[in-house]
Amino acid sequence: MSWISYITGGMTVILAYAFYVVGMEDGEEELGEEEDNVVVNDFSGRYVTLSCQTCRKLKRHKEVEPNLFQCTKCKRHVDIRVS
Protein backbone atom coordinates (compact mmCIF):
# COMPACT_ATOMS: atom_id res chain seq x y z
CA MET A 1 0.00 0.00 0.00
CA SER A 2 1.21 3.45 -0.72
CA TRP A 3 1.49 6.35 1.69
CA ILE A 4 -1.55 8.00 0.06
CA SER A 5 -3.75 5.17 1.34
CA TYR A 6 -2.52 5.72 4.91
CA ILE A 7 -3.12 9.47 4.71
CA THR A 8 -6.59 8.94 3.23
CA GLY A 9 -7.48 6.46 5.98
CA GLY A 10 -6.23 8.82 8.69
CA MET A 11 -8.20 11.74 7.28
CA THR A 12 -11.33 9.56 7.13
CA VAL A 13 -10.97 8.60 10.80
CA ILE A 14 -10.43 12.24 11.83
CA LEU A 15 -13.45 13.37 9.80
CA ALA A 16 -15.69 10.63 11.25
CA TYR A 17 -14.62 11.55 14.80
CA ALA A 18 -15.28 15.26 14.11
CA PHE A 19 -18.81 14.50 12.90
CA TYR A 20 -19.43 12.36 15.98
CA VAL A 21 -18.26 15.08 18.37
CA VAL A 22 -20.30 17.80 16.64
CA GLY A 23 -23.38 15.56 16.71
CA MET A 24 -23.08 15.08 20.47
CA GLU A 25 -22.82 18.84 21.09
CA ASP A 26 -26.18 19.57 19.39
CA GLY A 27 -28.11 18.59 22.51
CA GLU A 28 -28.52 14.91 21.84
CA GLU A 29 -29.12 13.18 25.13
CA GLU A 30 -28.11 9.67 25.92
CA LEU A 31 -31.10 7.44 26.50
CA GLY A 32 -29.50 5.56 29.38
CA GLU A 33 -29.64 8.54 31.76
CA GLU A 34 -32.75 8.27 33.90
CA GLU A 35 -33.35 9.74 37.31
CA ASP A 36 -35.29 7.68 39.85
CA ASN A 37 -37.60 9.13 42.49
CA VAL A 38 -37.98 12.52 40.83
CA VAL A 39 -40.89 14.65 42.03
CA VAL A 40 -42.00 17.28 39.54
CA ASN A 41 -44.27 20.04 40.79
CA ASP A 42 -44.17 22.17 37.65
CA PHE A 43 -44.84 19.98 34.62
CA SER A 44 -44.97 22.78 32.04
CA GLY A 45 -41.92 22.82 29.80
CA ARG A 46 -40.64 19.38 30.77
CA TYR A 47 -39.28 17.39 27.85
CA VAL A 48 -38.63 13.64 27.77
CA THR A 49 -37.57 11.20 25.09
CA LEU A 50 -40.26 8.62 24.37
CA SER A 51 -41.02 6.22 21.56
CA CYS A 52 -43.62 7.85 19.30
CA GLN A 53 -46.07 5.38 17.78
CA THR A 54 -46.83 7.64 14.81
CA CYS A 55 -43.24 8.60 13.96
CA ARG A 56 -41.95 5.08 14.84
CA LYS A 57 -38.81 6.59 16.39
CA LEU A 58 -37.57 7.96 19.68
CA LYS A 59 -38.69 11.59 19.73
CA ARG A 60 -38.83 14.38 22.26
CA HIS A 61 -42.20 14.85 23.96
CA LYS A 62 -43.41 17.85 25.96
CA GLU A 63 -45.47 17.30 29.09
CA VAL A 64 -48.81 19.12 28.68
CA GLU A 65 -50.47 17.67 31.81
CA PRO A 66 -49.08 15.48 34.57
CA ASN A 67 -48.10 12.19 32.86
CA LEU A 68 -49.58 13.29 29.51
CA PHE A 69 -46.99 14.01 26.84
CA GLN A 70 -47.24 15.47 23.32
CA CYS A 71 -44.80 14.63 20.51
CA THR A 72 -42.99 17.76 19.31
CA LYS A 73 -43.02 16.54 15.71
CA CYS A 74 -46.45 15.00 15.02
CA LYS A 75 -48.36 16.41 18.06
CA ARG A 76 -49.68 12.98 19.10
CA HIS A 77 -50.53 12.62 22.79
CA VAL A 78 -49.03 9.83 24.88
CA ASP A 79 -50.71 9.03 28.19
CA ILE A 80 -48.48 7.16 30.65
CA ARG A 81 -50.88 7.30 33.62
CA VAL A 82 -51.62 4.05 35.41
CA SER A 83 -55.06 2.75 34.53
C-alpha atoms as a PDB file:
ATOM      1  CA  MET A   1       0.000   0.000   0.000  1.00  0.00           C
ATOM      2  CA  SER A   2       1.205   3.449  -0.716  1.00  0.00           C
ATOM      3  CA  TRP A   3       1.487   6.353   1.688  1.00  0.00           C
ATOM      4  CA  ILE A   4      -1.553   8.001   0.061  1.00  0.00           C
ATOM      5  CA  SER A   5      -3.749   5.174   1.336  1.00  0.00           C
ATOM      6  CA  TYR A   6      -2.518   5.719   4.908  1.00  0.00           C
ATOM      7  CA  ILE A   7      -3.117   9.466   4.711  1.00  0.00           C
ATOM      8  CA  THR A   8      -6.590   8.945   3.229  1.00  0.00           C
ATOM      9  CA  GLY A   9      -7.476   6.462   5.982  1.00  0.00           C
ATOM     10  CA  GLY A  10      -6.231   8.822   8.686  1.00  0.00           C
ATOM     11  CA  MET A  11      -8.203  11.740   7.275  1.00  0.00           C
ATOM     12  CA  THR A  12     -11.333   9.563   7.133  1.00  0.00           C
ATOM     13  CA  VAL A  13     -10.972   8.596  10.800  1.00  0.00           C
ATOM     14  CA  ILE A  14     -10.434  12.235  11.830  1.00  0.00           C
ATOM     15  CA  LEU A  15     -13.454  13.365   9.805  1.00  0.00           C
ATOM     16  CA  ALA A  16     -15.695  10.634  11.254  1.00  0.00           C
ATOM     17  CA  TYR A  17     -14.617  11.555  14.798  1.00  0.00           C
ATOM     18  CA  ALA A  18     -15.279  15.257  14.114  1.00  0.00           C
ATOM     19  CA  PHE A  19     -18.813  14.504  12.896  1.00  0.00           C
ATOM     20  CA  TYR A  20     -19.426  12.359  15.979  1.00  0.00           C
ATOM     21  CA  VAL A  21     -18.255  15.083  18.371  1.00  0.00           C
ATOM     22  CA  VAL A  22     -20.303  17.804  16.640  1.00  0.00           C
ATOM     23  CA  GLY A  23     -23.382  15.560  16.707  1.00  0.00           C
ATOM     24  CA  MET A  24     -23.084  15.076  20.471  1.00  0.00           C
ATOM     25  CA  GLU A  25     -22.820  18.838  21.089  1.00  0.00           C
ATOM     26  CA  ASP A  26     -26.175  19.567  19.395  1.00  0.00           C
ATOM     27  CA  GLY A  27     -28.107  18.587  22.513  1.00  0.00           C
ATOM     28  CA  GLU A  28     -28.524  14.915  21.835  1.00  0.00           C
ATOM     29  CA  GLU A  29     -29.125  13.179  25.126  1.00  0.00           C
ATOM     30  CA  GLU A  30     -28.112   9.669  25.919  1.00  0.00           C
ATOM     31  CA  LEU A  31     -31.104   7.436  26.498  1.00  0.00           C
ATOM     32  CA  GLY A  32     -29.498   5.562  29.383  1.00  0.00           C
ATOM     33  CA  GLU A  33     -29.642   8.535  31.756  1.00  0.00           C
ATOM     34  CA  GLU A  34     -32.753   8.268  33.900  1.00  0.00           C
ATOM     35  CA  GLU A  35     -33.354   9.735  37.312  1.00  0.00           C
ATOM     36  CA  ASP A  36     -35.285   7.681  39.847  1.00  0.00           C
ATOM     37  CA  ASN A  37     -37.601   9.128  42.491  1.00  0.00           C
ATOM     38  CA  VAL A  38     -37.983  12.516  40.831  1.00  0.00           C
ATOM     39  CA  VAL A  39     -40.890  14.645  42.029  1.00  0.00           C
ATOM     40  CA  VAL A  40     -42.003  17.276  39.545  1.00  0.00           C
ATOM     41  CA  ASN A  41     -44.272  20.036  40.792  1.00  0.00           C
ATOM     42  CA  ASP A  42     -44.169  22.170  37.647  1.00  0.00           C
ATOM     43  CA  PHE A  43     -44.844  19.977  34.620  1.00  0.00           C
ATOM     44  CA  SER A  44     -44.969  22.782  32.040  1.00  0.00           C
ATOM     45  CA  GLY A  45     -41.924  22.824  29.805  1.00  0.00           C
ATOM     46  CA  ARG A  46     -40.636  19.382  30.772  1.00  0.00           C
ATOM     47  CA  TYR A  47     -39.278  17.393  27.848  1.00  0.00           C
ATOM     48  CA  VAL A  48     -38.625  13.643  27.766  1.00  0.00           C
ATOM     49  CA  THR A  49     -37.567  11.198  25.087  1.00  0.00           C
ATOM     50  CA  LEU A  50     -40.258   8.617  24.365  1.00  0.00           C
ATOM     51  CA  SER A  51     -41.019   6.223  21.560  1.00  0.00           C
ATOM     52  CA  CYS A  52     -43.618   7.849  19.303  1.00  0.00           C
ATOM     53  CA  GLN A  53     -46.072   5.378  17.779  1.00  0.00           C
ATOM     54  CA  THR A  54     -46.834   7.643  14.806  1.00  0.00           C
ATOM     55  CA  CYS A  55     -43.235   8.602  13.959  1.00  0.00           C
ATOM     56  CA  ARG A  56     -41.951   5.083  14.837  1.00  0.00           C
ATOM     57  CA  LYS A  57     -38.814   6.591  16.388  1.00  0.00           C
ATOM     58  CA  LEU A  58     -37.569   7.959  19.677  1.00  0.00           C
ATOM     59  CA  LYS A  59     -38.695  11.588  19.728  1.00  0.00           C
ATOM     60  CA  ARG A  60     -38.833  14.384  22.261  1.00  0.00           C
ATOM     61  CA  HIS A  61     -42.197  14.854  23.959  1.00  0.00           C
ATOM     62  CA  LYS A  62     -43.408  17.850  25.962  1.00  0.00           C
ATOM     63  CA  GLU A  63     -45.469  17.299  29.093  1.00  0.00           C
ATOM     64  CA  VAL A  64     -48.807  19.116  28.683  1.00  0.00           C
ATOM     65  CA  GLU A  65     -50.469  17.674  31.807  1.00  0.00           C
ATOM     66  CA  PRO A  66     -49.081  15.475  34.573  1.00  0.00           C
ATOM     67  CA  ASN A  67     -48.097  12.190  32.862  1.00  0.00           C
ATOM     68  CA  LEU A  68     -49.584  13.292  29.508  1.00  0.00           C
ATOM     69  CA  PHE A  69     -46.990  14.010  26.840  1.00  0.00           C
ATOM     70  CA  GLN A  70     -47.237  15.469  23.323  1.00  0.00           C
ATOM     71  CA  CYS A  71     -44.805  14.634  20.505  1.00  0.00           C
ATOM     72  CA  THR A  72     -42.991  17.757  19.313  1.00  0.00           C
ATOM     73  CA  LYS A  73     -43.024  16.540  15.706  1.00  0.00           C
ATOM     74  CA  CYS A  74     -46.449  14.997  15.020  1.00  0.00           C
ATOM     75  CA  LYS A  75     -48.359  16.410  18.055  1.00  0.00           C
ATOM     76  CA  ARG A  76     -49.680  12.979  19.099  1.00  0.00           C
ATOM     77  CA  HIS A  77     -50.535  12.624  22.787  1.00  0.00           C
ATOM     78  CA  VAL A  78     -49.032   9.825  24.876  1.00  0.00           C
ATOM     79  CA  ASP A  79     -50.708   9.035  28.193  1.00  0.00           C
ATOM     80  CA  ILE A  80     -48.481   7.162  30.653  1.00  0.00           C
ATOM     81  CA  ARG A  81     -50.878   7.304  33.617  1.00  0.00           C
ATOM     82  CA  VAL A  82     -51.619   4.054  35.411  1.00  0.00           C
ATOM     83  CA  SER A  83     -55.062   2.754  34.534  1.00  0.00           C
END
